């Protein structure tokens, strides 16, 4: 999959590297802004405490 992505990116090596970094930043932004909060609201947070016997 990464090889296919690398082949479809235009330009010389430095442009491809820049595009990959921009795409990676965009994916991380979307994950941290919308996906992770959505998953957190679905997953029930159970408060568990570990006490000494």
N, C-alpha and C. Protein backbone atom coordinates (compact mmCIF):
# COMPACT_ATOMS: atom_id res chain seq x y z
N UNK A 1 0.82 -1.19 0.00
CA UNK A 1 0.00 0.00 0.00
C UNK A 1 0.87 1.26 0.00
N UNK A 2 1.93 1.24 0.80
CA UNK A 2 2.79 2.41 0.85
C UNK A 2 3.52 2.62 -0.47
N UNK A 3 3.88 1.53 -1.12
CA UNK A 3 4.54 1.65 -2.42
C UNK A 3 3.59 2.24 -3.45
N UNK A 4 2.33 1.84 -3.41
CA UNK A 4 1.35 2.39 -4.34
C UNK A 4 1.15 3.88 -4.09
N UNK A 5 1.08 4.27 -2.82
CA UNK A 5 0.95 5.69 -2.48
C UNK A 5 2.17 6.46 -2.96
N UNK A 6 3.34 5.89 -2.76
CA UNK A 6 4.58 6.55 -3.15
C UNK A 6 4.64 6.74 -4.66
N UNK A 7 4.13 5.76 -5.42
CA UNK A 7 4.16 5.86 -6.89
C UNK A 7 3.20 6.91 -7.43
N UNK A 8 2.07 7.14 -6.74
CA UNK A 8 1.10 8.10 -7.28
C UNK A 8 1.41 9.53 -6.88
N UNK A 9 2.32 9.72 -5.92
CA UNK A 9 2.69 11.08 -5.55
C UNK A 9 3.53 11.73 -6.65
N UNK A 10 3.21 12.96 -6.99
CA UNK A 10 3.94 13.62 -8.07
C UNK A 10 5.24 14.26 -7.59
N UNK A 11 6.12 14.52 -8.52
CA UNK A 11 7.30 15.32 -8.25
C UNK A 11 8.54 14.54 -7.87
N UNK A 12 9.61 15.28 -7.65
CA UNK A 12 10.87 14.65 -7.24
C UNK A 12 10.81 14.19 -5.78
N UNK A 13 11.89 13.62 -5.32
CA UNK A 13 11.93 13.01 -3.98
C UNK A 13 11.57 14.00 -2.89
N UNK A 14 12.12 15.21 -2.91
CA UNK A 14 11.86 16.16 -1.83
C UNK A 14 10.40 16.59 -1.79
N UNK A 15 9.75 16.65 -2.95
CA UNK A 15 8.32 17.01 -3.00
C UNK A 15 7.49 15.87 -2.43
N UNK A 16 7.86 14.63 -2.76
CA UNK A 16 7.14 13.47 -2.23
C UNK A 16 7.26 13.40 -0.72
N UNK A 17 8.45 13.65 -0.21
CA UNK A 17 8.64 13.62 1.25
C UNK A 17 7.80 14.70 1.91
N UNK A 18 7.78 15.89 1.33
CA UNK A 18 6.97 16.98 1.87
C UNK A 18 5.49 16.63 1.84
N UNK A 19 5.03 16.03 0.75
CA UNK A 19 3.62 15.65 0.66
C UNK A 19 3.26 14.57 1.67
N UNK A 20 4.16 13.62 1.88
CA UNK A 20 3.90 12.57 2.87
C UNK A 20 3.81 13.18 4.27
N UNK A 21 4.67 14.13 4.58
CA UNK A 21 4.62 14.78 5.89
C UNK A 21 3.33 15.57 6.08
N UNK A 22 2.89 16.25 5.04
CA UNK A 22 1.64 17.01 5.11
C UNK A 22 0.45 16.06 5.27
N UNK A 23 0.45 14.97 4.52
CA UNK A 23 -0.63 13.99 4.65
C UNK A 23 -0.65 13.35 6.04
N UNK A 24 0.51 13.05 6.57
CA UNK A 24 0.60 12.47 7.90
C UNK A 24 0.09 13.45 8.96
N UNK A 25 0.45 14.71 8.83
CA UNK A 25 -0.03 15.73 9.76
C UNK A 25 -1.55 15.87 9.67
N UNK A 26 -2.10 15.80 8.47
CA UNK A 26 -3.55 15.91 8.30
C UNK A 26 -4.27 14.72 8.93
N UNK A 27 -3.73 13.53 8.75
CA UNK A 27 -4.34 12.34 9.35
C UNK A 27 -4.30 12.42 10.86
N UNK A 28 -3.17 12.82 11.43
CA UNK A 28 -3.07 12.95 12.88
C UNK A 28 -4.01 14.02 13.43
N UNK A 29 -4.18 15.10 12.69
CA UNK A 29 -5.11 16.15 13.11
C UNK A 29 -6.55 15.64 13.13
N UNK A 30 -6.94 14.94 12.08
CA UNK A 30 -8.31 14.40 12.02
C UNK A 30 -8.53 13.38 13.13
N UNK A 31 -7.55 12.53 13.36
CA UNK A 31 -7.69 11.54 14.42
C UNK A 31 -7.85 12.19 15.79
N UNK A 32 -7.01 13.16 16.09
CA UNK A 32 -7.05 13.77 17.42
C UNK A 32 -8.23 14.72 17.59
N UNK A 33 -8.77 15.26 16.50
CA UNK A 33 -9.87 16.21 16.60
C UNK A 33 -11.23 15.54 16.63
N UNK A 34 -11.45 14.55 15.76
CA UNK A 34 -12.78 13.95 15.64
C UNK A 34 -12.85 12.48 16.01
N UNK A 35 -11.91 11.69 15.59
CA UNK A 35 -12.04 10.24 15.75
C UNK A 35 -11.83 9.81 17.20
N UNK A 36 -10.74 10.24 17.83
CA UNK A 36 -10.48 9.83 19.20
C UNK A 36 -11.55 10.31 20.19
N UNK A 37 -12.04 11.55 20.10
CA UNK A 37 -13.13 11.94 21.01
C UNK A 37 -14.42 11.13 20.76
N UNK A 38 -14.71 10.79 19.52
CA UNK A 38 -15.88 10.00 19.19
C UNK A 38 -15.76 8.60 19.80
N UNK A 39 -14.60 7.98 19.66
CA UNK A 39 -14.39 6.65 20.23
C UNK A 39 -14.44 6.72 21.75
N UNK A 40 -13.91 7.76 22.33
CA UNK A 40 -13.93 7.91 23.78
C UNK A 40 -15.36 8.01 24.31
N UNK A 41 -16.24 8.65 23.55
CA UNK A 41 -17.63 8.75 24.00
C UNK A 41 -18.35 7.41 23.90
N UNK A 42 -17.91 6.54 23.03
CA UNK A 42 -18.54 5.23 22.86
C UNK A 42 -18.04 4.24 23.91
N UNK A 43 -16.74 4.25 24.14
CA UNK A 43 -16.15 3.31 25.09
C UNK A 43 -16.50 3.76 26.50
N UNK A 44 -17.08 2.86 27.25
CA UNK A 44 -17.47 3.23 28.62
C UNK A 44 -16.24 3.24 29.51
N UNK A 45 -16.08 4.32 30.19
CA UNK A 45 -14.97 4.46 31.13
C UNK A 45 -15.41 3.92 32.48
N UNK A 46 -14.79 2.85 32.86
CA UNK A 46 -15.11 2.28 34.17
C UNK A 46 -14.01 2.70 35.12
N UNK A 47 -14.43 3.35 36.16
CA UNK A 47 -13.42 3.78 37.14
C UNK A 47 -13.08 2.59 38.02
N UNK A 48 -11.85 2.23 38.00
CA UNK A 48 -11.39 1.10 38.81
C UNK A 48 -10.26 1.58 39.70
N UNK A 49 -10.30 1.20 40.92
CA UNK A 49 -9.23 1.54 41.83
C UNK A 49 -8.61 0.26 42.35
N UNK A 50 -7.34 0.32 42.52
CA UNK A 50 -6.63 -0.83 43.06
C UNK A 50 -6.18 -0.45 44.46
N UNK A 51 -6.69 -1.18 45.41
CA UNK A 51 -6.36 -0.86 46.80
C UNK A 51 -5.49 -1.94 47.41
N UNK A 52 -4.83 -1.56 48.46
CA UNK A 52 -4.00 -2.52 49.17
C UNK A 52 -4.90 -3.43 50.01
N UNK A 53 -4.60 -4.70 50.08
CA UNK A 53 -5.45 -5.64 50.85
C UNK A 53 -5.40 -5.40 52.34
